[in-house]
Amino acid sequence: MTPRGLVDRLREQGLDPGSWSNGPGDRYAAHEHGYDKVLVCASGSIRFGLPVEGRAFDLAIGDRLDLPAGTVHDALVGSAGVTCLEAHLPAGRLAEPRRRLAGEW
């Protein structure tokens, strides 16, 4: 699916995504947010780690990650860089961290 198609898909679900990009190997240190976050990989790849839970989720093009508010997470961008779509929801709308593959959401 194209990035435009992914944006349209999120909008059909009532979300208003923005986008951000990072280069190969870029990292985000562990942090958390006070809002729920929906992330979709639009190009490249990225791994989101949940260090408190001892889990990690790899996202490729079209994959989605739902992160409830307060979920401690870090990230490592893949070898081709990444562009992600991101939408915010009020805290409490998402029940648990969940990855959905491109064809599942």
Protein backbone atom coordinates (compact mmCIF):
# COMPACT_ATOMS: atom_id res chain seq x y z
CA MET A 1 0.00 0.00 0.00
CA THR A 2 1.20 3.51 -0.76
CA PRO A 3 1.82 6.10 1.96
CA ARG A 4 -1.21 8.05 0.67
CA GLY A 5 -3.33 4.90 0.93
CA LEU A 6 -2.15 4.38 4.52
CA VAL A 7 -3.06 7.96 5.42
CA ASP A 8 -6.49 7.49 3.86
CA ARG A 9 -6.96 4.24 5.78
CA LEU A 10 -6.16 5.93 9.09
CA ARG A 11 -8.47 8.84 8.31
CA GLU A 12 -11.28 6.39 7.54
CA GLN A 13 -10.80 5.17 11.12
CA GLY A 14 -11.23 8.68 12.50
CA LEU A 15 -7.51 9.35 12.99
CA ASP A 16 -5.54 12.41 11.87
CA PRO A 17 -2.00 11.23 11.16
CA GLY A 18 1.14 13.26 10.76
CA SER A 19 4.44 11.85 9.51
CA TRP A 20 8.07 11.78 10.58
CA SER A 21 11.22 10.23 9.17
CA ASN A 22 14.61 9.12 10.45
CA GLY A 23 17.79 7.83 8.86
CA PRO A 24 19.29 4.35 9.10
CA GLY A 25 20.32 3.31 12.59
CA ASP A 26 18.78 6.31 14.36
CA ARG A 27 17.61 5.56 17.90
CA TYR A 28 15.08 6.92 20.33
CA ALA A 29 15.83 6.37 24.01
CA ALA A 30 13.16 4.84 26.25
CA HIS A 31 10.33 7.28 26.95
CA GLU A 32 6.56 7.41 27.38
CA HIS A 33 3.66 9.69 26.46
CA GLY A 34 0.53 10.91 28.23
CA TYR A 35 -1.63 10.06 25.21
CA ASP A 36 -2.38 6.93 23.20
CA LYS A 37 -0.40 6.66 19.97
CA VAL A 38 -1.06 4.83 16.70
CA LEU A 39 2.00 4.32 14.49
CA VAL A 40 2.10 2.96 10.95
CA CYS A 41 5.29 2.30 9.00
CA ALA A 42 4.93 4.02 5.60
CA SER A 43 8.42 3.18 4.28
CA GLY A 44 11.54 1.42 5.51
CA SER A 45 11.44 -0.35 8.88
CA ILE A 46 11.70 0.27 12.61
CA ARG A 47 11.82 -1.76 15.81
CA PHE A 48 9.93 -0.49 18.84
CA GLY A 49 11.13 -1.98 22.11
CA LEU A 50 9.05 -2.18 25.26
CA PRO A 51 11.88 -2.57 27.80
CA VAL A 52 9.66 -2.81 30.88
CA GLU A 53 7.70 -5.65 29.28
CA GLY A 54 10.72 -7.30 27.64
CA ARG A 55 9.09 -7.25 24.21
CA ALA A 56 9.83 -5.70 20.84
CA PHE A 57 7.78 -5.11 17.69
CA ASP A 58 9.28 -4.92 14.22
CA LEU A 59 7.33 -2.77 11.78
CA ALA A 60 7.66 -2.96 7.99
CA ILE A 61 5.65 -1.10 5.39
CA GLY A 62 1.96 -1.09 6.27
CA ASP A 63 2.38 -2.54 9.78
CA ARG A 64 0.69 -0.74 12.68
CA LEU A 65 1.55 -0.42 16.37
CA ASP A 66 -0.95 0.78 18.98
CA LEU A 67 0.73 2.18 22.12
CA PRO A 68 -1.40 3.10 25.13
CA ALA A 69 -0.44 6.15 27.18
CA GLY A 70 2.29 5.41 29.72
CA THR A 71 3.85 2.57 27.71
CA VAL A 72 7.62 2.92 28.00
CA HIS A 73 9.11 2.39 24.53
CA ASP A 74 12.31 2.93 22.58
CA ALA A 75 13.03 2.63 18.88
CA LEU A 76 15.74 1.62 16.43
CA VAL A 77 15.40 2.58 12.77
CA GLY A 78 16.20 -0.09 10.18
CA SER A 79 18.98 -0.06 7.58
CA ALA A 80 16.91 1.77 4.93
CA GLY A 81 15.61 4.50 7.27
CA VAL A 82 11.93 4.92 8.08
CA THR A 83 8.92 7.11 7.56
CA CYS A 84 6.09 6.60 10.05
CA LEU A 85 2.59 7.94 10.23
CA GLU A 86 1.52 8.85 13.75
CA ALA A 87 -1.85 9.73 15.25
CA HIS A 88 -2.68 10.61 18.85
CA LEU A 89 -5.76 9.65 20.84
CA PRO A 90 -6.86 10.61 24.33
CA ALA A 91 -5.31 8.39 27.00
CA GLY A 92 -7.37 5.29 27.73
CA ARG A 93 -8.65 4.57 24.22
CA LEU A 94 -6.10 1.78 23.60
CA ALA A 95 -6.10 -1.16 25.99
CA GLU A 96 -2.66 -2.71 25.37
CA PRO A 97 0.37 -2.50 23.07
CA ARG A 98 -0.50 -4.34 19.89
CA ARG A 99 1.15 -4.83 16.52
CA ARG A 100 -1.01 -5.49 13.50
CA LEU A 101 0.50 -6.58 10.22
CA ALA A 102 -0.28 -4.68 7.03
CA GLY A 103 -3.28 -6.81 6.05
CA GLU A 104 -4.79 -7.05 9.55
CA TRP A 105 -6.02 -3.55 10.25
